[in-house]
Amino acid sequence: MSKWMIIYKNMRWEEIDFNRDQNNISIKLLKKDEIIEGKVLKENDFTKVIRVSLNDGREVDLADFAEIDNFFEKNTIIFKNRTGLHNEIRRYIDFSLS
């Protein structure tokens, strides 16, 4: 089961749902009940990571956290603190889109 999140540059994230029409994407922030729109810049179907340029000029990443959790479990990656978790998630996203 997918659990999509939007990840901002400051590594804050929140749960989302989204609809896509080719390169255009509409993202619904579930807790805020707000919709933001943008264009897909890059994506990796295998790792389920999407980089989006929002219409307000910000760049964010969308990732399926179920996929990330699965990857971390298979590779026995253990976090000692929140910073370690954030660094590993950023590394996963950047590697997926490189």
N, C-alpha and C. Protein backbone atom coordinates (compact mmCIF):
# COMPACT_ATOMS: atom_id res chain seq x y z
N MET A 1 0.84 -1.18 0.00
CA MET A 1 0.00 0.00 0.00
C MET A 1 0.89 1.25 0.00
N SER A 2 0.58 2.16 -0.86
CA SER A 2 1.37 3.40 -1.00
C SER A 2 1.06 4.39 0.12
N LYS A 3 2.08 5.15 0.50
CA LYS A 3 1.90 6.23 1.47
C LYS A 3 2.73 7.41 0.97
N TRP A 4 2.15 8.19 0.08
CA TRP A 4 2.86 9.29 -0.56
C TRP A 4 2.98 10.49 0.36
N MET A 5 4.17 11.08 0.33
CA MET A 5 4.47 12.27 1.12
C MET A 5 5.11 13.32 0.22
N ILE A 6 4.90 14.57 0.60
CA ILE A 6 5.62 15.67 -0.04
C ILE A 6 6.78 16.00 0.90
N ILE A 7 7.98 16.14 0.33
CA ILE A 7 9.16 16.46 1.13
C ILE A 7 9.70 17.80 0.67
N TYR A 8 9.74 18.75 1.60
CA TYR A 8 10.25 20.09 1.29
C TYR A 8 11.76 20.10 1.47
N LYS A 9 12.41 21.14 0.99
CA LYS A 9 13.87 21.26 1.07
C LYS A 9 14.37 21.23 2.51
N ASN A 10 13.58 21.73 3.47
CA ASN A 10 13.99 21.72 4.88
C ASN A 10 13.72 20.38 5.56
N MET A 11 13.36 19.36 4.76
CA MET A 11 13.09 17.99 5.19
C MET A 11 11.84 17.86 6.06
N ARG A 12 10.95 18.83 5.98
CA ARG A 12 9.62 18.68 6.58
C ARG A 12 8.78 17.92 5.57
N TRP A 13 7.95 17.01 6.03
CA TRP A 13 7.10 16.29 5.09
C TRP A 13 5.70 16.13 5.64
N GLU A 14 4.77 15.89 4.70
CA GLU A 14 3.38 15.66 5.09
C GLU A 14 2.70 14.77 4.06
N GLU A 15 1.65 14.09 4.51
CA GLU A 15 0.95 13.12 3.67
C GLU A 15 0.14 13.82 2.59
N ILE A 16 0.15 13.22 1.42
CA ILE A 16 -0.53 13.82 0.26
C ILE A 16 -1.29 12.76 -0.54
N ASP A 17 -2.08 13.27 -1.45
CA ASP A 17 -2.66 12.51 -2.54
C ASP A 17 -2.42 13.38 -3.77
N PHE A 18 -2.31 12.78 -4.93
CA PHE A 18 -2.09 13.61 -6.11
C PHE A 18 -2.72 13.02 -7.35
N ASN A 19 -2.99 13.90 -8.30
CA ASN A 19 -3.49 13.52 -9.62
C ASN A 19 -2.53 14.08 -10.64
N ARG A 20 -2.34 13.30 -11.68
CA ARG A 20 -1.35 13.66 -12.68
C ARG A 20 -1.94 13.60 -14.07
N ASP A 21 -1.59 14.57 -14.89
CA ASP A 21 -1.96 14.58 -16.30
C ASP A 21 -0.68 14.86 -17.07
N GLN A 22 0.00 13.81 -17.47
CA GLN A 22 1.32 13.88 -18.11
C GLN A 22 2.29 14.63 -17.21
N ASN A 23 2.73 15.84 -17.57
CA ASN A 23 3.70 16.56 -16.74
C ASN A 23 3.05 17.49 -15.72
N ASN A 24 1.76 17.71 -15.81
CA ASN A 24 1.06 18.56 -14.84
C ASN A 24 0.63 17.70 -13.66
N ILE A 25 0.76 18.27 -12.46
CA ILE A 25 0.41 17.51 -11.27
C ILE A 25 -0.35 18.40 -10.29
N SER A 26 -1.37 17.85 -9.68
CA SER A 26 -2.17 18.53 -8.67
C SER A 26 -2.00 17.74 -7.37
N ILE A 27 -1.48 18.40 -6.33
CA ILE A 27 -1.15 17.73 -5.08
C ILE A 27 -2.10 18.22 -3.98
N LYS A 28 -2.76 17.28 -3.32
CA LYS A 28 -3.65 17.63 -2.21
C LYS A 28 -2.93 17.33 -0.90
N LEU A 29 -2.72 18.37 -0.09
CA LEU A 29 -2.14 18.23 1.24
C LEU A 29 -3.27 17.78 2.16
N LEU A 30 -3.22 16.56 2.63
CA LEU A 30 -4.36 15.96 3.32
C LEU A 30 -4.71 16.65 4.64
N LYS A 31 -3.73 16.99 5.47
CA LYS A 31 -4.06 17.62 6.76
C LYS A 31 -4.59 19.03 6.59
N LYS A 32 -4.04 19.77 5.64
CA LYS A 32 -4.46 21.16 5.43
C LYS A 32 -5.66 21.27 4.51
N ASP A 33 -6.00 20.17 3.81
CA ASP A 33 -7.05 20.17 2.81
C ASP A 33 -6.81 21.30 1.80
N GLU A 34 -5.58 21.39 1.34
CA GLU A 34 -5.16 22.43 0.40
C GLU A 34 -4.62 21.75 -0.86
N ILE A 35 -4.82 22.39 -1.99
CA ILE A 35 -4.32 21.84 -3.26
C ILE A 35 -3.27 22.79 -3.83
N ILE A 36 -2.12 22.21 -4.21
CA ILE A 36 -1.07 22.97 -4.88
C ILE A 36 -0.78 22.29 -6.21
N GLU A 37 -0.32 23.07 -7.16
CA GLU A 37 -0.10 22.53 -8.50
C GLU A 37 1.30 22.82 -8.98
N GLY A 38 1.75 22.00 -9.93
CA GLY A 38 3.07 22.19 -10.48
C GLY A 38 3.32 21.29 -11.68
N LYS A 39 4.58 21.19 -12.04
CA LYS A 39 5.00 20.37 -13.18
C LYS A 39 6.05 19.36 -12.72
N VAL A 40 5.97 18.15 -13.27
CA VAL A 40 6.94 17.11 -12.96
C VAL A 40 8.24 17.42 -13.68
N LEU A 41 9.36 17.44 -12.92
CA LEU A 41 10.67 17.67 -13.51
C LEU A 41 11.40 16.36 -13.80
N LYS A 42 11.39 15.46 -12.82
CA LYS A 42 12.05 14.15 -12.93
C LYS A 42 11.24 13.15 -12.16
N GLU A 43 11.41 11.87 -12.52
CA GLU A 43 10.77 10.83 -11.73
C GLU A 43 11.48 9.50 -11.92
N ASN A 44 11.30 8.64 -10.94
CA ASN A 44 11.82 7.29 -11.00
C ASN A 44 10.68 6.36 -10.61
N ASP A 45 10.15 5.63 -11.60
CA ASP A 45 9.02 4.74 -11.35
C ASP A 45 9.39 3.58 -10.43
N PHE A 46 10.63 3.12 -10.50
CA PHE A 46 11.07 1.97 -9.71
C PHE A 46 11.11 2.32 -8.22
N THR A 47 11.70 3.45 -7.87
CA THR A 47 11.82 3.85 -6.46
C THR A 47 10.65 4.72 -6.00
N LYS A 48 9.78 5.09 -6.92
CA LYS A 48 8.59 5.89 -6.64
C LYS A 48 8.94 7.24 -6.01
N VAL A 49 9.76 8.00 -6.74
CA VAL A 49 10.16 9.34 -6.33
C VAL A 49 9.90 10.29 -7.49
N ILE A 50 9.32 11.45 -7.20
CA ILE A 50 9.01 12.44 -8.23
C ILE A 50 9.50 13.80 -7.75
N ARG A 51 10.21 14.53 -8.62
CA ARG A 51 10.61 15.91 -8.30
C ARG A 51 9.65 16.84 -9.05
N VAL A 52 9.11 17.82 -8.33
CA VAL A 52 8.08 18.71 -8.87
C VAL A 52 8.49 20.17 -8.69
N SER A 53 8.25 20.96 -9.72
CA SER A 53 8.39 22.41 -9.64
C SER A 53 6.99 22.96 -9.45
N LEU A 54 6.75 23.53 -8.27
CA LEU A 54 5.43 24.08 -7.97
C LEU A 54 5.22 25.40 -8.70
N ASN A 55 3.97 25.75 -8.93
CA ASN A 55 3.64 26.99 -9.64
C ASN A 55 4.10 28.24 -8.88
N ASP A 56 4.33 28.12 -7.56
CA ASP A 56 4.80 29.27 -6.77
C ASP A 56 6.32 29.40 -6.77
N GLY A 57 7.02 28.55 -7.54
CA GLY A 57 8.47 28.66 -7.68
C GLY A 57 9.27 27.70 -6.81
N ARG A 58 8.64 27.06 -5.83
CA ARG A 58 9.36 26.11 -4.98
C ARG A 58 9.56 24.78 -5.70
N GLU A 59 10.59 24.05 -5.30
CA GLU A 59 10.83 22.71 -5.81
C GLU A 59 10.69 21.73 -4.65
N VAL A 60 9.89 20.69 -4.83
CA VAL A 60 9.65 19.70 -3.79
C VAL A 60 9.81 18.31 -4.39
N ASP A 61 9.89 17.33 -3.50
CA ASP A 61 9.94 15.94 -3.93
C ASP A 61 8.72 15.22 -3.39
N LEU A 62 8.21 14.28 -4.15
CA LEU A 62 7.14 13.40 -3.72
C LEU A 62 7.74 12.01 -3.65
N ALA A 63 7.45 11.29 -2.58
CA ALA A 63 8.00 9.95 -2.43
C ALA A 63 7.00 9.05 -1.73
N ASP A 64 7.03 7.79 -2.13
CA ASP A 64 6.20 6.77 -1.49
C ASP A 64 6.98 6.24 -0.29
N PHE A 65 6.58 6.64 0.91
CA PHE A 65 7.31 6.24 2.12
C PHE A 65 7.21 4.75 2.39
N ALA A 66 6.19 4.07 1.87
CA ALA A 66 6.13 2.62 2.00
C ALA A 66 7.30 1.99 1.24
N GLU A 67 7.63 2.53 0.09
CA GLU A 67 8.77 2.06 -0.71
C GLU A 67 10.09 2.36 0.00
N ILE A 68 10.21 3.55 0.57
CA ILE A 68 11.44 3.93 1.29
C ILE A 68 11.61 3.03 2.52
N ASP A 69 10.55 2.81 3.30
CA ASP A 69 10.63 1.93 4.47
C ASP A 69 11.06 0.53 4.07
N ASN A 70 10.49 0.02 2.98
CA ASN A 70 10.83 -1.30 2.48
C ASN A 70 12.32 -1.37 2.10
N PHE A 71 12.81 -0.35 1.43
CA PHE A 71 14.23 -0.30 1.04
C PHE A 71 15.12 -0.30 2.27
N PHE A 72 14.80 0.52 3.27
CA PHE A 72 15.61 0.60 4.48
C PHE A 72 15.61 -0.73 5.24
N GLU A 73 14.45 -1.40 5.30
CA GLU A 73 14.38 -2.69 5.98
C GLU A 73 15.21 -3.74 5.27
N LYS A 74 15.10 -3.82 3.95
CA LYS A 74 15.86 -4.81 3.17
C LYS A 74 17.37 -4.60 3.31
N ASN A 75 17.78 -3.35 3.45
CA ASN A 75 19.21 -3.03 3.53
C ASN A 75 19.67 -2.80 4.97
N THR A 76 18.84 -3.16 5.93
CA THR A 76 19.12 -3.03 7.37
C THR A 76 19.76 -1.70 7.73
N ILE A 77 19.15 -0.62 7.25
CA ILE A 77 19.61 0.72 7.59
C ILE A 77 18.90 1.13 8.87
N ILE A 78 19.69 1.45 9.90
CA ILE A 78 19.16 1.80 11.21
C ILE A 78 19.55 3.24 11.52
N PHE A 79 18.63 3.98 12.11
CA PHE A 79 18.87 5.39 12.40
C PHE A 79 19.11 5.58 13.89
N LYS A 80 20.11 6.37 14.20
CA LYS A 80 20.39 6.66 15.61
C LYS A 80 19.65 7.92 16.06
N ASN A 81 19.29 8.78 15.11
CA ASN A 81 18.60 10.02 15.46
C ASN A 81 17.84 10.55 14.25
N ARG A 82 17.09 11.58 14.47
CA ARG A 82 16.26 12.18 13.41
C ARG A 82 17.11 12.72 12.26
N THR A 83 18.26 13.32 12.57
CA THR A 83 19.14 13.85 11.53
C THR A 83 19.61 12.73 10.62
N GLY A 84 19.94 11.60 11.19
CA GLY A 84 20.35 10.45 10.39
C GLY A 84 19.25 9.99 9.45
N LEU A 85 18.03 9.98 9.94
CA LEU A 85 16.88 9.61 9.12
C LEU A 85 16.71 10.59 7.96
N HIS A 86 16.77 11.88 8.27
CA HIS A 86 16.62 12.90 7.24
C HIS A 86 17.71 12.77 6.18
N ASN A 87 18.94 12.55 6.61
CA ASN A 87 20.05 12.41 5.66
C ASN A 87 19.87 11.21 4.75
N GLU A 88 19.42 10.09 5.31
CA GLU A 88 19.22 8.88 4.50
C GLU A 88 18.07 9.05 3.51
N ILE A 89 17.00 9.71 3.94
CA ILE A 89 15.88 9.94 3.02
C ILE A 89 16.31 10.87 1.90
N ARG A 90 17.05 11.94 2.22
CA ARG A 90 17.54 12.87 1.19
C ARG A 90 18.46 12.13 0.22
N ARG A 91 19.34 11.28 0.75
CA ARG A 91 20.26 10.51 -0.10
C ARG A 91 19.47 9.57 -1.02
N TYR A 92 18.45 8.90 -0.49
CA TYR A 92 17.60 8.01 -1.27
C TYR A 92 16.93 8.77 -2.42
N ILE A 93 16.37 9.94 -2.12
CA ILE A 93 15.68 10.73 -3.14
C ILE A 93 16.64 11.22 -4.20
N ASP A 94 17.76 11.81 -3.76
CA ASP A 94 18.73 12.33 -4.73
C ASP A 94 19.31 11.24 -5.60
N PHE A 95 19.62 10.08 -5.03
CA PHE A 95 20.15 8.96 -5.81
C PHE A 95 19.09 8.46 -6.80
N SER A 96 17.85 8.40 -6.37
CA SER A 96 16.77 7.92 -7.24
C SER A 96 16.61 8.81 -8.47
N LEU A 97 16.85 10.10 -8.31
CA LEU A 97 16.62 11.03 -9.42
C LEU A 97 17.88 11.41 -10.18
N SER A 98 19.02 10.83 -9.81
CA SER A 98 20.26 11.17 -10.52
C SER A 98 20.45 10.35 -11.77
